[in-house]
């Protein structure tokens, strides 16, 4: 499997455990292994909460609805709306 695009509809969930000498924090969802595998396959990753894009400094670094159009035999087209900035977002004609 070699995806060109992955959409993760989630808020980041973490688990924190405090030990006497340090605090451990790990991702519960999406799991680091999943995002690392998608990065290795060079997939474009979009999250609805914008957390991945913000952490990586990518465009689309905001919360928003992800619109994905997949036509048979064609390259998928996508965009991410900035729902918080526009109460009634309209998808661009390119999508």
N, C-alpha and C. Protein backbone atom coordinates (compact mmCIF):
# COMPACT_ATOMS: atom_id res chain seq x y z
N UNK A 1 0.84 -1.17 0.00
CA UNK A 1 0.00 0.00 0.00
C UNK A 1 0.89 1.24 0.00
N UNK A 2 0.61 2.14 -0.89
CA UNK A 2 1.39 3.37 -0.98
C UNK A 2 0.44 4.54 -1.20
N UNK A 3 -0.20 5.01 -0.13
CA UNK A 3 -1.18 6.09 -0.28
C UNK A 3 -0.51 7.42 -0.60
N UNK A 4 -1.21 8.24 -1.36
CA UNK A 4 -0.69 9.58 -1.64
C UNK A 4 -1.28 10.60 -0.67
N UNK A 5 -2.39 10.23 -0.03
CA UNK A 5 -3.05 11.15 0.89
C UNK A 5 -3.68 10.36 2.03
N UNK A 6 -3.55 10.87 3.25
CA UNK A 6 -4.20 10.27 4.41
C UNK A 6 -4.92 11.37 5.17
N UNK A 7 -6.18 11.12 5.51
CA UNK A 7 -6.97 12.08 6.28
C UNK A 7 -7.25 11.46 7.63
N UNK A 8 -6.86 12.15 8.70
CA UNK A 8 -7.09 11.67 10.06
C UNK A 8 -8.09 12.61 10.71
N UNK A 9 -9.28 12.09 10.96
CA UNK A 9 -10.35 12.88 11.56
C UNK A 9 -10.31 12.66 13.06
N UNK A 10 -9.60 13.52 13.76
CA UNK A 10 -9.39 13.29 15.18
C UNK A 10 -8.92 14.52 15.91
N UNK A 11 -9.06 14.47 17.20
CA UNK A 11 -8.34 15.36 18.08
C UNK A 11 -7.21 14.52 18.66
N UNK A 12 -6.09 15.13 18.87
CA UNK A 12 -4.97 14.40 19.43
C UNK A 12 -5.30 13.93 20.84
N UNK A 13 -4.99 12.68 21.13
CA UNK A 13 -5.18 12.12 22.46
C UNK A 13 -3.83 11.65 22.97
N UNK A 14 -3.49 12.06 24.17
CA UNK A 14 -2.21 11.65 24.75
C UNK A 14 -2.44 11.03 26.12
N UNK A 15 -1.45 10.29 26.55
CA UNK A 15 -1.46 9.69 27.87
C UNK A 15 -0.20 10.17 28.60
N UNK A 16 -0.36 10.60 29.82
CA UNK A 16 0.78 11.09 30.60
C UNK A 16 0.89 10.29 31.89
N UNK A 17 2.11 9.86 32.17
CA UNK A 17 2.38 9.12 33.40
C UNK A 17 3.53 9.83 34.11
N UNK A 18 3.32 10.13 35.38
CA UNK A 18 4.35 10.82 36.15
C UNK A 18 5.09 9.82 37.02
N UNK A 19 6.39 9.79 36.84
CA UNK A 19 7.28 8.97 37.66
C UNK A 19 8.02 9.91 38.61
N UNK A 20 8.62 9.38 39.67
CA UNK A 20 9.31 10.27 40.61
C UNK A 20 10.40 11.12 39.96
N UNK A 21 11.01 10.63 38.91
CA UNK A 21 12.13 11.35 38.31
C UNK A 21 11.81 11.99 36.95
N UNK A 22 10.65 11.68 36.38
CA UNK A 22 10.31 12.27 35.08
C UNK A 22 8.83 12.08 34.75
N UNK A 23 8.39 12.76 33.72
CA UNK A 23 7.02 12.62 33.23
C UNK A 23 7.06 12.07 31.81
N UNK A 24 6.32 11.01 31.56
CA UNK A 24 6.28 10.39 30.24
C UNK A 24 4.96 10.75 29.56
N UNK A 25 5.03 11.15 28.31
CA UNK A 25 3.84 11.46 27.53
C UNK A 25 3.93 10.70 26.22
N UNK A 26 2.83 10.06 25.82
CA UNK A 26 2.83 9.35 24.54
C UNK A 26 1.51 9.60 23.83
N UNK A 27 1.56 9.52 22.51
CA UNK A 27 0.36 9.67 21.70
C UNK A 27 -0.47 8.41 21.77
N UNK A 28 -1.76 8.56 22.01
CA UNK A 28 -2.68 7.43 21.94
C UNK A 28 -3.33 7.36 20.56
N UNK A 29 -3.75 8.50 20.05
CA UNK A 29 -4.38 8.53 18.73
C UNK A 29 -4.18 9.88 18.10
N UNK A 30 -3.73 10.01 16.90
CA UNK A 30 -3.20 8.89 16.13
C UNK A 30 -1.87 8.44 16.71
N UNK A 31 -1.64 7.15 16.63
CA UNK A 31 -0.41 6.60 17.20
C UNK A 31 0.78 7.02 16.35
N UNK A 32 1.91 7.23 17.01
CA UNK A 32 3.13 7.67 16.33
C UNK A 32 3.54 6.69 15.23
N UNK A 33 3.33 5.39 15.44
CA UNK A 33 3.70 4.40 14.42
C UNK A 33 2.87 4.62 13.15
N UNK A 34 1.59 4.94 13.31
CA UNK A 34 0.73 5.16 12.13
C UNK A 34 1.19 6.37 11.34
N UNK A 35 1.42 7.49 12.02
CA UNK A 35 1.84 8.69 11.29
C UNK A 35 3.24 8.51 10.72
N UNK A 36 4.12 7.81 11.42
CA UNK A 36 5.47 7.55 10.90
C UNK A 36 5.42 6.70 9.64
N UNK A 37 4.55 5.69 9.63
CA UNK A 37 4.41 4.84 8.44
C UNK A 37 3.90 5.65 7.25
N UNK A 38 2.94 6.53 7.51
CA UNK A 38 2.43 7.38 6.43
C UNK A 38 3.50 8.35 5.93
N UNK A 39 4.32 8.87 6.84
CA UNK A 39 5.41 9.75 6.44
C UNK A 39 6.42 8.99 5.58
N UNK A 40 6.74 7.76 5.97
CA UNK A 40 7.69 6.94 5.20
C UNK A 40 7.20 6.69 3.78
N UNK A 41 5.88 6.54 3.63
CA UNK A 41 5.33 6.29 2.29
C UNK A 41 5.13 7.60 1.51
N UNK A 42 5.56 8.71 2.10
CA UNK A 42 5.48 10.04 1.47
C UNK A 42 4.03 10.49 1.25
N UNK A 43 3.12 10.01 2.10
CA UNK A 43 1.71 10.42 2.00
C UNK A 43 1.54 11.83 2.54
N UNK A 44 0.65 12.56 1.94
CA UNK A 44 0.25 13.89 2.46
C UNK A 44 -0.74 13.62 3.58
N UNK A 45 -0.47 14.12 4.77
CA UNK A 45 -1.32 13.86 5.94
C UNK A 45 -2.08 15.12 6.30
N UNK A 46 -3.40 14.99 6.40
CA UNK A 46 -4.27 16.09 6.83
C UNK A 46 -5.03 15.64 8.06
N UNK A 47 -5.11 16.50 9.07
CA UNK A 47 -5.91 16.21 10.26
C UNK A 47 -6.98 17.28 10.41
N UNK A 48 -8.14 16.87 10.93
CA UNK A 48 -9.22 17.84 11.07
C UNK A 48 -8.94 18.86 12.15
N UNK A 49 -8.12 18.48 13.15
CA UNK A 49 -7.81 19.45 14.20
C UNK A 49 -6.55 20.25 13.91
N UNK A 50 -5.86 19.95 12.82
CA UNK A 50 -4.69 20.71 12.41
C UNK A 50 -3.43 20.42 13.20
N UNK A 51 -3.48 19.49 14.14
CA UNK A 51 -2.34 19.25 15.02
C UNK A 51 -1.11 18.75 14.28
N UNK A 52 -1.29 17.84 13.34
CA UNK A 52 -0.14 17.31 12.60
C UNK A 52 0.50 18.41 11.76
N UNK A 53 -0.33 19.16 11.05
CA UNK A 53 0.19 20.21 10.19
C UNK A 53 0.88 21.30 10.99
N UNK A 54 0.33 21.63 12.16
CA UNK A 54 0.95 22.64 13.02
C UNK A 54 2.31 22.15 13.50
N UNK A 55 2.38 20.90 13.95
CA UNK A 55 3.63 20.33 14.45
C UNK A 55 4.70 20.28 13.37
N UNK A 56 4.30 20.06 12.13
CA UNK A 56 5.26 19.93 11.03
C UNK A 56 5.47 21.24 10.27
N UNK A 57 4.71 22.28 10.63
CA UNK A 57 4.86 23.57 9.95
C UNK A 57 4.34 23.56 8.53
N UNK A 58 3.36 22.71 8.24
CA UNK A 58 2.79 22.61 6.90
C UNK A 58 1.68 23.63 6.70
N UNK A 59 1.31 23.80 5.44
CA UNK A 59 0.12 24.60 5.16
C UNK A 59 -1.09 23.84 5.69
N UNK A 60 -2.22 24.45 5.68
CA UNK A 60 -3.43 23.87 6.27
C UNK A 60 -3.27 23.68 7.77
N UNK A 61 -2.45 24.49 8.43
CA UNK A 61 -2.20 24.36 9.87
C UNK A 61 -3.30 25.04 10.67
N UNK A 62 -4.50 24.51 10.54
CA UNK A 62 -5.65 25.04 11.28
C UNK A 62 -6.71 23.94 11.35
N UNK A 63 -7.67 24.10 12.24
CA UNK A 63 -8.80 23.18 12.28
C UNK A 63 -9.64 23.40 11.05
N UNK A 64 -10.30 22.34 10.60
CA UNK A 64 -11.20 22.53 9.47
C UNK A 64 -11.68 21.23 8.87
N UNK A 65 -12.70 21.36 8.05
CA UNK A 65 -13.26 20.23 7.35
C UNK A 65 -12.37 19.89 6.16
N UNK A 66 -12.05 18.62 6.01
CA UNK A 66 -11.27 18.16 4.88
C UNK A 66 -12.23 17.63 3.82
N UNK A 67 -12.10 18.13 2.61
CA UNK A 67 -12.92 17.67 1.49
C UNK A 67 -12.00 16.92 0.53
N UNK A 68 -12.38 15.69 0.23
CA UNK A 68 -11.58 14.83 -0.64
C UNK A 68 -12.48 14.33 -1.77
N UNK A 69 -12.03 14.52 -3.00
CA UNK A 69 -12.77 14.07 -4.17
C UNK A 69 -11.93 13.02 -4.88
N UNK A 70 -12.49 11.81 -5.01
CA UNK A 70 -11.78 10.73 -5.68
C UNK A 70 -12.63 10.27 -6.86
N UNK A 71 -12.18 10.59 -8.06
CA UNK A 71 -12.87 10.15 -9.27
C UNK A 71 -12.16 8.92 -9.81
N UNK A 72 -12.89 7.92 -10.31
CA UNK A 72 -12.26 6.70 -10.82
C UNK A 72 -11.18 7.01 -11.86
N UNK A 73 -10.01 6.45 -11.63
CA UNK A 73 -8.91 6.60 -12.58
C UNK A 73 -8.25 7.97 -12.60
N UNK A 74 -8.58 8.82 -11.65
CA UNK A 74 -8.00 10.17 -11.64
C UNK A 74 -7.26 10.41 -10.32
N UNK A 75 -6.47 11.45 -10.30
CA UNK A 75 -5.73 11.82 -9.09
C UNK A 75 -6.69 12.45 -8.09
N UNK A 76 -6.65 12.02 -6.83
CA UNK A 76 -7.54 12.62 -5.81
C UNK A 76 -7.25 14.12 -5.67
N UNK A 77 -8.31 14.88 -5.48
CA UNK A 77 -8.18 16.32 -5.21
C UNK A 77 -8.69 16.57 -3.81
N UNK A 78 -8.08 17.52 -3.12
CA UNK A 78 -8.47 17.77 -1.74
C UNK A 78 -8.27 19.23 -1.38
N UNK A 79 -8.96 19.63 -0.34
CA UNK A 79 -8.76 20.94 0.26
C UNK A 79 -9.17 20.85 1.72
N UNK A 80 -8.78 21.82 2.48
CA UNK A 80 -9.16 21.89 3.89
C UNK A 80 -9.75 23.28 4.13
N UNK A 81 -10.99 23.31 4.60
CA UNK A 81 -11.66 24.58 4.85
C UNK A 81 -11.27 25.12 6.21
N UNK A 82 -11.23 26.43 6.33
CA UNK A 82 -10.96 27.07 7.62
C UNK A 82 -12.31 27.41 8.24
N UNK A 83 -12.97 26.41 8.81
CA UNK A 83 -14.33 26.56 9.33
C UNK A 83 -14.46 27.64 10.39
N UNK A 84 -13.45 27.83 11.20
CA UNK A 84 -13.54 28.80 12.28
C UNK A 84 -13.50 30.23 11.76
N UNK A 85 -12.85 30.44 10.63
CA UNK A 85 -12.75 31.79 10.06
C UNK A 85 -13.95 32.14 9.20
N UNK A 86 -14.69 31.13 8.78
CA UNK A 86 -15.81 31.35 7.87
C UNK A 86 -16.96 30.46 8.33
N UNK A 87 -18.04 31.05 8.82
CA UNK A 87 -19.14 30.26 9.37
C UNK A 87 -19.90 29.45 8.33
N UNK A 88 -19.82 29.82 7.08
CA UNK A 88 -20.53 29.11 6.02
C UNK A 88 -19.56 28.87 4.87
N UNK A 89 -18.59 27.96 5.07
CA UNK A 89 -17.55 27.78 4.06
C UNK A 89 -18.10 27.19 2.76
N UNK A 90 -17.54 27.62 1.65
CA UNK A 90 -17.91 27.11 0.34
C UNK A 90 -16.65 26.48 -0.26
N UNK A 91 -16.72 25.20 -0.66
CA UNK A 91 -15.54 24.57 -1.26
C UNK A 91 -15.13 25.29 -2.54
N UNK A 92 -13.84 25.42 -2.78
CA UNK A 92 -13.40 26.07 -4.01
C UNK A 92 -13.80 25.26 -5.24
N UNK A 93 -13.94 25.93 -6.38
CA UNK A 93 -14.33 25.25 -7.62
C UNK A 93 -13.32 24.19 -8.03
N UNK A 94 -12.06 24.36 -7.66
CA UNK A 94 -11.03 23.40 -8.05
C UNK A 94 -11.28 22.02 -7.46
N UNK A 95 -12.03 21.95 -6.38
CA UNK A 95 -12.34 20.66 -5.75
C UNK A 95 -13.69 20.20 -6.23
